[in-house]
C-alpha atoms as a PDB file:
ATOM      1  CA  MET A   1      56.331 156.299 114.617  1.00  0.00           C
ATOM      2  CA  SER A   2      52.911 155.000 114.139  1.00  0.00           C
ATOM      3  CA  ALA A   3      51.396 153.125 116.921  1.00  0.00           C
ATOM      4  CA  PHE A   4      50.692 149.773 115.332  1.00  0.00           C
ATOM      5  CA  LEU A   5      54.434 149.037 115.104  1.00  0.00           C
ATOM      6  CA  HIS A   6      54.932 148.718 118.723  1.00  0.00           C
ATOM      7  CA  MET A   7      51.834 146.235 118.815  1.00  0.00           C
ATOM      8  CA  LEU A   8      53.944 143.786 116.618  1.00  0.00           C
ATOM      9  CA  LYS A   9      55.930 140.871 117.843  1.00  0.00           C
ATOM     10  CA  PRO A  10      59.432 140.872 117.958  1.00  0.00           C
ATOM     11  CA  GLU A  11      59.989 138.822 115.256  1.00  0.00           C
ATOM     12  CA  GLU A  12      57.256 140.094 113.119  1.00  0.00           C
ATOM     13  CA  ARG A  13      59.310 143.307 113.298  1.00  0.00           C
ATOM     14  CA  ASP A  14      62.225 141.710 112.211  1.00  0.00           C
ATOM     15  CA  ILE A  15      60.476 139.819 109.380  1.00  0.00           C
ATOM     16  CA  LEU A  16      59.099 143.719 108.117  1.00  0.00           C
ATOM     17  CA  ARG A  17      62.516 145.356 108.474  1.00  0.00           C
ATOM     18  CA  THR A  18      64.455 142.705 106.312  1.00  0.00           C
ATOM     19  CA  VAL A  19      61.642 142.991 103.948  1.00  0.00           C
ATOM     20  CA  VAL A  20      61.889 146.751 103.308  1.00  0.00           C
ATOM     21  CA  LYS A  21      65.869 146.688 103.482  1.00  0.00           C
ATOM     22  CA  LYS A  22      65.809 143.769 100.533  1.00  0.00           C
ATOM     23  CA  VAL A  23      62.872 145.231  98.579  1.00  0.00           C
ATOM     24  CA  HIS A  24      62.781 148.917  99.023  1.00  0.00           C
ATOM     25  CA  PHE A  25      66.368 149.731 100.163  1.00  0.00           C
ATOM     26  CA  LYS A  26      67.879 147.750  97.596  1.00  0.00           C
ATOM     27  CA  HIS A  27      69.215 150.650  96.038  1.00  0.00           C
ATOM     28  CA  TYR A  28      70.199 152.672  98.599  1.00  0.00           C
ATOM     29  CA  PRO A  29      73.772 153.074 100.608  1.00  0.00           C
ATOM     30  CA  THR A  30      74.324 150.670 103.325  1.00  0.00           C
ATOM     31  CA  GLU A  31      74.763 153.480 105.974  1.00  0.00           C
ATOM     32  CA  PHE A  32      70.832 154.496 105.173  1.00  0.00           C
ATOM     33  CA  CYS A  33      69.538 150.924 105.370  1.00  0.00           C
ATOM     34  CA  THR A  34      69.213 151.234 109.380  1.00  0.00           C
ATOM     35  CA  ASP A  35      66.435 149.554 111.162  1.00  0.00           C
ATOM     36  CA  TYR A  36      65.042 153.241 112.203  1.00  0.00           C
ATOM     37  CA  GLU A  37      64.688 154.112 108.580  1.00  0.00           C
ATOM     38  CA  ALA A  38      62.815 150.603 107.898  1.00  0.00           C
ATOM     39  CA  ASP A  39      60.757 151.569 110.715  1.00  0.00           C
ATOM     40  CA  LYS A  40      59.878 155.222 109.305  1.00  0.00           C
ATOM     41  CA  LEU A  41      58.698 153.119 105.847  1.00  0.00           C
ATOM     42  CA  ILE A  42      56.829 150.745 107.923  1.00  0.00           C
ATOM     43  CA  ALA A  43      55.187 152.942 109.892  1.00  0.00           C
ATOM     44  CA  SER A  44      54.299 155.175 106.887  1.00  0.00           C
ATOM     45  CA  ILE A  45      52.437 152.359 104.761  1.00  0.00           C
ATOM     46  CA  GLY A  46      49.733 151.516 107.475  1.00  0.00           C
ATOM     47  CA  PRO A  47      48.772 148.624 108.880  1.00  0.00           C
ATOM     48  CA  GLU A  48      46.837 146.875 105.901  1.00  0.00           C
ATOM     49  CA  VAL A  49      49.909 146.798 103.625  1.00  0.00           C
ATOM     50  CA  VAL A  50      52.045 145.106 106.984  1.00  0.00           C
ATOM     51  CA  GLU A  51      49.906 142.496 107.499  1.00  0.00           C
ATOM     52  CA  THR A  52      50.275 141.417 103.916  1.00  0.00           C
ATOM     53  CA  MET A  53      54.265 141.898 104.171  1.00  0.00           C
ATOM     54  CA  ILE A  54      54.046 140.027 107.238  1.00  0.00           C
ATOM     55  CA  LYS A  55      52.942 137.164 105.404  1.00  0.00           C
ATOM     56  CA  ILE A  56      54.677 137.440 102.600  1.00  0.00           C
ATOM     57  CA  GLY A  57      58.224 137.361 104.236  1.00  0.00           C
ATOM     58  CA  LYS A  58      56.823 134.311 106.695  1.00  0.00           C
ATOM     59  CA  ASP A  59      55.660 132.478 103.301  1.00  0.00           C
ATOM     60  CA  TYR A  60      59.384 132.823 101.713  1.00  0.00           C
ATOM     61  CA  LYS A  61      60.846 132.965 105.153  1.00  0.00           C
ATOM     62  CA  VAL A  62      63.089 136.011 104.795  1.00  0.00           C
ATOM     63  CA  ASN A  63      64.285 135.546 107.876  1.00  0.00           C
ATOM     64  CA  GLU A  64      66.329 132.529 107.268  1.00  0.00           C
ATOM     65  CA  ILE A  65      68.189 134.187 104.304  1.00  0.00           C
END
């Protein structure tokens, strides 16, 4: 896991996990769509993209869907 993932607030991490599961894992089997797998993808894309994904997630209120 990347070190920056642990520096995120819990609500930011939840937003990112929701975005990854709804967008990136859309066509995967449901048993694959775990928090662990989402965290691995988030760690691989890097902090710059994560900031953008958090902003988009907050703007579209994905945690309320």
